Amino acid sequence: MKIKITEVNVQTGEETTFEREETPQEEATRLEVKARLDAEKTETDAKAAAKAALLAQLGITEEQAKLLLS
C-alpha cells in the first residue's frame, strides 16, 4: 500500500509531500490497529444493541431511563 509522507522544514516552513510503499512493519502495525478498532466498534455496537433491546423490553425511552437513574 502506498502511504503519503509530508515533511516540513521547520526553519523555512516548506512542505514536501511524496508517496512511497509502506514497510512490512508499518503494514503490520496498520493492520493491528485496524483490527483493534474493528473489535472496539463491534463491542460498542453490541452494547448499543443490548441497551436498545433492554429499553424496548422496559417500554421506556433513553431519556426516561436517564430520569430514573438521576
N, C-alpha and C. Protein backbone atom coordinates (compact mmCIF):
# COMPACT_ATOMS: atom_id res chain seq x y z
N MET A 1 0.85 -1.17 0.00
CA MET A 1 0.00 0.00 0.00
C MET A 1 0.90 1.23 0.00
N LYS A 2 0.52 2.20 -0.80
CA LYS A 2 1.28 3.45 -0.82
C LYS A 2 0.81 4.33 0.33
N ILE A 3 1.78 5.01 0.96
CA ILE A 3 1.44 5.96 2.01
C ILE A 3 1.98 7.33 1.62
N LYS A 4 1.27 8.35 2.07
CA LYS A 4 1.65 9.72 1.74
C LYS A 4 2.47 10.28 2.91
N ILE A 5 3.61 10.85 2.60
CA ILE A 5 4.51 11.42 3.59
C ILE A 5 4.61 12.92 3.33
N THR A 6 4.49 13.72 4.38
CA THR A 6 4.71 15.15 4.27
C THR A 6 5.82 15.52 5.23
N GLU A 7 6.88 16.06 4.70
CA GLU A 7 8.00 16.53 5.52
C GLU A 7 7.93 18.04 5.56
N VAL A 8 8.18 18.61 6.76
CA VAL A 8 8.15 20.05 6.93
C VAL A 8 9.52 20.51 7.41
N ASN A 9 10.11 21.46 6.69
CA ASN A 9 11.36 22.09 7.11
C ASN A 9 10.98 23.12 8.15
N VAL A 10 11.38 22.88 9.41
CA VAL A 10 10.95 23.77 10.49
C VAL A 10 11.59 25.15 10.40
N GLN A 11 12.68 25.27 9.70
CA GLN A 11 13.32 26.58 9.55
C GLN A 11 12.63 27.44 8.50
N THR A 12 12.23 26.80 7.39
CA THR A 12 11.62 27.58 6.31
C THR A 12 10.10 27.42 6.23
N GLY A 13 9.58 26.38 6.87
CA GLY A 13 8.15 26.10 6.77
C GLY A 13 7.76 25.41 5.48
N GLU A 14 8.74 25.12 4.63
CA GLU A 14 8.47 24.48 3.35
C GLU A 14 8.03 23.03 3.57
N GLU A 15 6.95 22.65 2.88
CA GLU A 15 6.44 21.29 2.97
C GLU A 15 6.76 20.54 1.69
N THR A 16 7.18 19.29 1.85
CA THR A 16 7.44 18.41 0.73
C THR A 16 6.61 17.16 0.93
N THR A 17 5.79 16.82 -0.05
CA THR A 17 4.93 15.65 0.05
C THR A 17 5.31 14.65 -1.03
N PHE A 18 5.36 13.37 -0.65
CA PHE A 18 5.66 12.32 -1.61
C PHE A 18 4.98 11.04 -1.14
N GLU A 19 4.91 10.06 -2.04
CA GLU A 19 4.34 8.76 -1.72
C GLU A 19 5.42 7.70 -1.80
N ARG A 20 5.25 6.66 -0.97
CA ARG A 20 6.16 5.52 -1.02
C ARG A 20 5.40 4.29 -0.53
N GLU A 21 5.94 3.13 -0.82
CA GLU A 21 5.34 1.89 -0.33
C GLU A 21 5.61 1.77 1.18
N GLU A 22 4.62 1.28 1.92
CA GLU A 22 4.84 1.10 3.35
C GLU A 22 5.73 -0.12 3.59
N THR A 23 6.45 -0.08 4.69
CA THR A 23 7.32 -1.20 5.04
C THR A 23 6.47 -2.33 5.62
N PRO A 24 6.99 -3.55 5.66
CA PRO A 24 6.25 -4.65 6.28
C PRO A 24 5.87 -4.35 7.74
N GLN A 25 6.74 -3.68 8.47
CA GLN A 25 6.45 -3.33 9.85
C GLN A 25 5.31 -2.31 9.93
N GLU A 26 5.31 -1.32 9.04
CA GLU A 26 4.22 -0.33 9.01
C GLU A 26 2.89 -1.00 8.65
N GLU A 27 2.95 -1.93 7.71
CA GLU A 27 1.74 -2.65 7.32
C GLU A 27 1.20 -3.46 8.49
N ALA A 28 2.09 -4.17 9.19
CA ALA A 28 1.67 -4.97 10.34
C ALA A 28 1.03 -4.09 11.41
N THR A 29 1.65 -2.95 11.67
CA THR A 29 1.12 -2.02 12.66
C THR A 29 -0.25 -1.50 12.24
N ARG A 30 -0.37 -1.12 10.96
CA ARG A 30 -1.65 -0.61 10.44
C ARG A 30 -2.74 -1.67 10.58
N LEU A 31 -2.43 -2.91 10.22
CA LEU A 31 -3.42 -3.97 10.31
C LEU A 31 -3.78 -4.28 11.76
N GLU A 32 -2.81 -4.20 12.66
CA GLU A 32 -3.08 -4.43 14.08
C GLU A 32 -4.00 -3.35 14.64
N VAL A 33 -3.73 -2.11 14.29
CA VAL A 33 -4.56 -1.00 14.76
C VAL A 33 -5.96 -1.13 14.18
N LYS A 34 -6.07 -1.49 12.90
CA LYS A 34 -7.38 -1.65 12.27
C LYS A 34 -8.16 -2.76 12.96
N ALA A 35 -7.52 -3.87 13.27
CA ALA A 35 -8.19 -4.98 13.94
C ALA A 35 -8.69 -4.55 15.32
N ARG A 36 -7.87 -3.78 16.04
CA ARG A 36 -8.26 -3.31 17.37
C ARG A 36 -9.46 -2.36 17.27
N LEU A 37 -9.42 -1.45 16.30
CA LEU A 37 -10.53 -0.51 16.11
C LEU A 37 -11.81 -1.23 15.69
N ASP A 38 -11.68 -2.24 14.82
CA ASP A 38 -12.84 -3.03 14.42
C ASP A 38 -13.45 -3.76 15.61
N ALA A 39 -12.60 -4.31 16.47
CA ALA A 39 -13.08 -5.02 17.65
C ALA A 39 -13.79 -4.06 18.61
N GLU A 40 -13.23 -2.87 18.79
CA GLU A 40 -13.86 -1.88 19.66
C GLU A 40 -15.22 -1.45 19.09
N LYS A 41 -15.30 -1.28 17.77
CA LYS A 41 -16.57 -0.89 17.15
C LYS A 41 -17.60 -1.99 17.32
N THR A 42 -17.19 -3.23 17.14
CA THR A 42 -18.10 -4.37 17.32
C THR A 42 -18.63 -4.40 18.75
N GLU A 43 -17.74 -4.18 19.71
CA GLU A 43 -18.15 -4.18 21.12
C GLU A 43 -19.11 -3.03 21.41
N THR A 44 -18.80 -1.85 20.89
CA THR A 44 -19.67 -0.68 21.08
C THR A 44 -21.04 -0.92 20.46
N ASP A 45 -21.05 -1.47 19.25
CA ASP A 45 -22.32 -1.76 18.58
C ASP A 45 -23.14 -2.78 19.36
N ALA A 46 -22.48 -3.80 19.91
CA ALA A 46 -23.18 -4.83 20.69
C ALA A 46 -23.78 -4.23 21.95
N LYS A 47 -23.03 -3.35 22.62
CA LYS A 47 -23.55 -2.70 23.82
C LYS A 47 -24.75 -1.81 23.49
N ALA A 48 -24.68 -1.09 22.38
CA ALA A 48 -25.78 -0.22 21.97
C ALA A 48 -27.02 -1.05 21.64
N ALA A 49 -26.83 -2.17 20.98
CA ALA A 49 -27.96 -3.04 20.65
C ALA A 49 -28.59 -3.63 21.91
N ALA A 50 -27.76 -4.04 22.86
CA ALA A 50 -28.27 -4.58 24.13
C ALA A 50 -29.04 -3.51 24.90
N LYS A 51 -28.52 -2.31 24.90
CA LYS A 51 -29.18 -1.19 25.58
C LYS A 51 -30.53 -0.91 24.94
N ALA A 52 -30.56 -0.86 23.61
CA ALA A 52 -31.82 -0.60 22.90
C ALA A 52 -32.83 -1.71 23.16
N ALA A 53 -32.37 -2.94 23.19
CA ALA A 53 -33.26 -4.07 23.46
C ALA A 53 -33.84 -3.99 24.87
N LEU A 54 -33.01 -3.63 25.83
CA LEU A 54 -33.49 -3.52 27.21
C LEU A 54 -34.51 -2.39 27.34
N LEU A 55 -34.21 -1.24 26.72
CA LEU A 55 -35.16 -0.13 26.77
C LEU A 55 -36.48 -0.52 26.12
N ALA A 56 -36.42 -1.23 25.01
CA ALA A 56 -37.64 -1.68 24.34
C ALA A 56 -38.41 -2.65 25.21
N GLN A 57 -37.70 -3.55 25.87
CA GLN A 57 -38.33 -4.52 26.76
C GLN A 57 -39.02 -3.81 27.92
N LEU A 58 -38.39 -2.76 28.45
CA LEU A 58 -38.98 -2.00 29.54
C LEU A 58 -40.06 -1.05 29.06
N GLY A 59 -40.08 -0.77 27.78
CA GLY A 59 -41.08 0.12 27.22
C GLY A 59 -40.84 1.58 27.57
N ILE A 60 -39.56 1.95 27.71
CA ILE A 60 -39.23 3.34 28.03
C ILE A 60 -38.19 3.86 27.05
N THR A 61 -38.08 5.18 26.99
CA THR A 61 -37.09 5.81 26.12
C THR A 61 -35.78 5.98 26.89
N GLU A 62 -34.75 6.33 26.16
CA GLU A 62 -33.45 6.57 26.80
C GLU A 62 -33.55 7.76 27.76
N GLU A 63 -34.29 8.78 27.37
CA GLU A 63 -34.47 9.96 28.23
C GLU A 63 -35.17 9.57 29.54
N GLN A 64 -36.18 8.71 29.43
CA GLN A 64 -36.89 8.25 30.63
C GLN A 64 -35.97 7.43 31.54
N ALA A 65 -35.12 6.62 30.93
CA ALA A 65 -34.18 5.83 31.72
C ALA A 65 -33.20 6.75 32.44
N LYS A 66 -32.75 7.79 31.76
CA LYS A 66 -31.83 8.74 32.40
C LYS A 66 -32.49 9.43 33.58
N LEU A 67 -33.79 9.77 33.43
CA LEU A 67 -34.50 10.40 34.54
C LEU A 67 -34.61 9.45 35.73
N LEU A 68 -34.84 8.19 35.45
CA LEU A 68 -34.95 7.20 36.54
C LEU A 68 -33.63 7.02 37.29
N LEU A 69 -32.54 7.15 36.56
CA LEU A 69 -31.22 6.90 37.15
C LEU A 69 -30.58 8.14 37.74
N SER A 70 -31.21 9.31 37.57
CA SER A 70 -30.58 10.53 38.10
C SER A 70 -31.05 10.83 39.50
